[in-house]
């Protein structure tokens, strides 16, 4: 599977809440850097995200690759329904770094968290 296919599969799994499938795309020590959840191992990040999520709807807007650098970026619109029913819609850039086996070693998530942070903080 090439990195574009991995990116498409990732978004399909994310939208479905298929955490085990998402984690299968990551290297054993893969990490996620999120503006809302911080930097942590992928397994921890997705468990926390799943606990806060009622539903996800994703629209892919673009895939950008740097094949010589083993990097890819996805641009998508994410409609996130939190566990309390609040909805946040925002554009996201996910930057993926891959190892030689095409496993994700690092995912950096970039988006404006102003409105989303307030909604997430209300969950606690």
C-alpha atoms as a PDB file:
ATOM      1  CA  UNK A   1       0.000   0.000   0.000  1.00  0.00           C
ATOM      2  CA  UNK A   2       1.468   3.386  -0.932  1.00  0.00           C
ATOM      3  CA  UNK A   3       1.302   6.379   1.390  1.00  0.00           C
ATOM      4  CA  UNK A   4      -1.710   7.889  -0.386  1.00  0.00           C
ATOM      5  CA  UNK A   5      -3.642   4.662   0.160  1.00  0.00           C
ATOM      6  CA  UNK A   6      -2.518   4.651   3.801  1.00  0.00           C
ATOM      7  CA  UNK A   7      -3.800   8.212   4.169  1.00  0.00           C
ATOM      8  CA  UNK A   8      -7.183   7.337   2.682  1.00  0.00           C
ATOM      9  CA  UNK A   9      -7.433   4.228   4.880  1.00  0.00           C
ATOM     10  CA  UNK A  10      -6.499   6.313   7.925  1.00  0.00           C
ATOM     11  CA  UNK A  11      -9.359   8.759   7.304  1.00  0.00           C
ATOM     12  CA  UNK A  12     -11.822   5.910   6.693  1.00  0.00           C
ATOM     13  CA  UNK A  13     -10.787   4.268   9.973  1.00  0.00           C
ATOM     14  CA  UNK A  14     -10.868   7.593  11.852  1.00  0.00           C
ATOM     15  CA  UNK A  15     -14.361   8.371  10.622  1.00  0.00           C
ATOM     16  CA  UNK A  16     -15.536   4.875  11.643  1.00  0.00           C
ATOM     17  CA  UNK A  17     -13.848   5.020  15.060  1.00  0.00           C
ATOM     18  CA  UNK A  18     -11.889   1.871  14.139  1.00  0.00           C
ATOM     19  CA  UNK A  19      -9.042   2.392  16.598  1.00  0.00           C
ATOM     20  CA  UNK A  20      -7.415  -1.034  16.154  1.00  0.00           C
ATOM     21  CA  UNK A  21      -7.313  -0.483  12.394  1.00  0.00           C
ATOM     22  CA  UNK A  22      -5.787   2.970  12.870  1.00  0.00           C
ATOM     23  CA  UNK A  23      -3.133   1.592  15.211  1.00  0.00           C
ATOM     24  CA  UNK A  24      -2.243  -1.105  12.657  1.00  0.00           C
ATOM     25  CA  UNK A  25      -1.024   1.718  10.391  1.00  0.00           C
ATOM     26  CA  UNK A  26       1.453   2.925  13.033  1.00  0.00           C
ATOM     27  CA  UNK A  27       4.927   1.676  13.871  1.00  0.00           C
ATOM     28  CA  UNK A  28       5.192   0.077  17.313  1.00  0.00           C
ATOM     29  CA  UNK A  29       6.518   3.306  18.866  1.00  0.00           C
ATOM     30  CA  UNK A  30       4.431   5.655  16.716  1.00  0.00           C
ATOM     31  CA  UNK A  31       3.444   8.968  18.256  1.00  0.00           C
ATOM     32  CA  UNK A  32       0.816  11.629  17.713  1.00  0.00           C
ATOM     33  CA  UNK A  33       1.336  15.343  18.326  1.00  0.00           C
ATOM     34  CA  UNK A  34      -2.022  17.045  18.766  1.00  0.00           C
ATOM     35  CA  UNK A  35      -2.743  20.694  19.598  1.00  0.00           C
ATOM     36  CA  UNK A  36      -5.583  19.540  21.862  1.00  0.00           C
ATOM     37  CA  UNK A  37      -4.226  16.368  23.481  1.00  0.00           C
ATOM     38  CA  UNK A  38      -0.469  17.018  23.388  1.00  0.00           C
ATOM     39  CA  UNK A  39       2.293  14.622  22.323  1.00  0.00           C
ATOM     40  CA  UNK A  40       1.763  10.983  23.266  1.00  0.00           C
ATOM     41  CA  UNK A  41       1.991   7.418  21.988  1.00  0.00           C
ATOM     42  CA  UNK A  42      -0.562   6.715  19.265  1.00  0.00           C
ATOM     43  CA  UNK A  43      -2.327   4.078  21.380  1.00  0.00           C
ATOM     44  CA  UNK A  44      -2.932   6.585  24.192  1.00  0.00           C
ATOM     45  CA  UNK A  45      -4.020   9.384  21.868  1.00  0.00           C
ATOM     46  CA  UNK A  46      -6.643   7.310  20.049  1.00  0.00           C
ATOM     47  CA  UNK A  47      -8.060   5.856  23.278  1.00  0.00           C
ATOM     48  CA  UNK A  48      -8.532   9.394  24.625  1.00  0.00           C
ATOM     49  CA  UNK A  49      -9.995  10.621  21.352  1.00  0.00           C
ATOM     50  CA  UNK A  50     -12.413   7.697  21.232  1.00  0.00           C
ATOM     51  CA  UNK A  51     -13.555   8.376  24.807  1.00  0.00           C
ATOM     52  CA  UNK A  52     -14.400  11.975  23.851  1.00  0.00           C
ATOM     53  CA  UNK A  53     -16.078  11.163  20.514  1.00  0.00           C
ATOM     54  CA  UNK A  54     -19.674  10.334  19.680  1.00  0.00           C
ATOM     55  CA  UNK A  55     -19.309  10.640  15.896  1.00  0.00           C
ATOM     56  CA  UNK A  56     -16.889  11.793  13.197  1.00  0.00           C
ATOM     57  CA  UNK A  57     -17.550  12.939   9.650  1.00  0.00           C
ATOM     58  CA  UNK A  58     -14.607  13.616   7.344  1.00  0.00           C
ATOM     59  CA  UNK A  59     -14.289  15.225   3.913  1.00  0.00           C
ATOM     60  CA  UNK A  60     -10.901  14.795   2.230  1.00  0.00           C
ATOM     61  CA  UNK A  61      -9.751  17.990   0.498  1.00  0.00           C
ATOM     62  CA  UNK A  62      -6.239  17.017  -0.621  1.00  0.00           C
ATOM     63  CA  UNK A  63      -3.263  14.679  -0.340  1.00  0.00           C
ATOM     64  CA  UNK A  64       0.280  16.020  -0.593  1.00  0.00           C
ATOM     65  CA  UNK A  65       3.359  13.778  -0.670  1.00  0.00           C
ATOM     66  CA  UNK A  66       7.102  14.178  -0.246  1.00  0.00           C
ATOM     67  CA  UNK A  67       8.109  10.695  -1.290  1.00  0.00           C
ATOM     68  CA  UNK A  68      11.856  11.221  -0.944  1.00  0.00           C
ATOM     69  CA  UNK A  69      11.292  12.358   2.634  1.00  0.00           C
ATOM     70  CA  UNK A  70       8.729   9.649   3.509  1.00  0.00           C
ATOM     71  CA  UNK A  71       6.214  12.326   4.454  1.00  0.00           C
ATOM     72  CA  UNK A  72       2.641  13.017   3.473  1.00  0.00           C
ATOM     73  CA  UNK A  73       0.053  15.608   4.430  1.00  0.00           C
ATOM     74  CA  UNK A  74      -3.708  15.269   4.371  1.00  0.00           C
ATOM     75  CA  UNK A  75      -5.998  18.283   4.229  1.00  0.00           C
ATOM     76  CA  UNK A  76      -9.524  17.511   5.363  1.00  0.00           C
ATOM     77  CA  UNK A  77     -12.611  18.945   6.997  1.00  0.00           C
ATOM     78  CA  UNK A  78     -13.483  17.239  10.272  1.00  0.00           C
ATOM     79  CA  UNK A  79     -16.926  17.399  11.816  1.00  0.00           C
ATOM     80  CA  UNK A  80     -16.425  16.101  15.337  1.00  0.00           C
ATOM     81  CA  UNK A  81     -19.385  15.304  17.567  1.00  0.00           C
ATOM     82  CA  UNK A  82     -18.189  15.113  21.139  1.00  0.00           C
ATOM     83  CA  UNK A  83     -19.589  12.639  23.637  1.00  0.00           C
ATOM     84  CA  UNK A  84     -21.893  15.355  25.063  1.00  0.00           C
ATOM     85  CA  UNK A  85     -23.434  16.031  21.630  1.00  0.00           C
ATOM     86  CA  UNK A  86     -21.600  19.310  20.935  1.00  0.00           C
ATOM     87  CA  UNK A  87     -20.336  19.587  17.349  1.00  0.00           C
ATOM     88  CA  UNK A  88     -17.164  21.249  16.116  1.00  0.00           C
ATOM     89  CA  UNK A  89     -16.327  21.569  12.412  1.00  0.00           C
ATOM     90  CA  UNK A  90     -12.831  22.578  11.329  1.00  0.00           C
ATOM     91  CA  UNK A  91     -10.162  22.138   8.667  1.00  0.00           C
ATOM     92  CA  UNK A  92      -7.193  19.955   9.577  1.00  0.00           C
ATOM     93  CA  UNK A  93      -3.733  19.297   8.179  1.00  0.00           C
ATOM     94  CA  UNK A  94      -2.268  15.980   9.297  1.00  0.00           C
ATOM     95  CA  UNK A  95       1.435  15.497   8.572  1.00  0.00           C
ATOM     96  CA  UNK A  96       2.541  11.858   8.520  1.00  0.00           C
ATOM     97  CA  UNK A  97       6.108  10.580   8.756  1.00  0.00           C
ATOM     98  CA  UNK A  98       6.753   6.976   7.687  1.00  0.00           C
ATOM     99  CA  UNK A  99       9.455   4.403   8.341  1.00  0.00           C
ATOM    100  CA  UNK A 100      10.964   2.172   5.639  1.00  0.00           C
ATOM    101  CA  UNK A 101       8.053  -0.284   6.079  1.00  0.00           C
ATOM    102  CA  UNK A 102       5.486   2.476   5.351  1.00  0.00           C
ATOM    103  CA  UNK A 103       4.342   2.488   8.980  1.00  0.00           C
ATOM    104  CA  UNK A 104       3.500   5.838  10.571  1.00  0.00           C
ATOM    105  CA  UNK A 105       6.213   6.893  13.013  1.00  0.00           C
ATOM    106  CA  UNK A 106       4.838  10.344  13.749  1.00  0.00           C
ATOM    107  CA  UNK A 107       1.592  12.159  13.066  1.00  0.00           C
ATOM    108  CA  UNK A 108       1.474  15.904  13.629  1.00  0.00           C
ATOM    109  CA  UNK A 109      -2.033  17.363  13.669  1.00  0.00           C
ATOM    110  CA  UNK A 110      -2.513  21.045  12.841  1.00  0.00           C
ATOM    111  CA  UNK A 111      -5.745  23.029  13.209  1.00  0.00           C
ATOM    112  CA  UNK A 112      -7.201  26.084  14.929  1.00  0.00           C
ATOM    113  CA  UNK A 113      -8.323  24.861  18.359  1.00  0.00           C
ATOM    114  CA  UNK A 114     -10.037  28.015  19.645  1.00  0.00           C
ATOM    115  CA  UNK A 115     -13.643  26.775  19.512  1.00  0.00           C
ATOM    116  CA  UNK A 116     -12.815  23.070  19.861  1.00  0.00           C
ATOM    117  CA  UNK A 117     -10.719  23.528  22.993  1.00  0.00           C
ATOM    118  CA  UNK A 118     -13.654  25.199  24.780  1.00  0.00           C
ATOM    119  CA  UNK A 119     -15.982  22.349  23.834  1.00  0.00           C
ATOM    120  CA  UNK A 120     -13.501  19.684  24.936  1.00  0.00           C
ATOM    121  CA  UNK A 121     -12.799  21.433  28.247  1.00  0.00           C
ATOM    122  CA  UNK A 122     -16.544  21.388  28.946  1.00  0.00           C
ATOM    123  CA  UNK A 123     -16.364  17.566  28.949  1.00  0.00           C
ATOM    124  CA  UNK A 124     -14.216  17.550  32.102  1.00  0.00           C
END
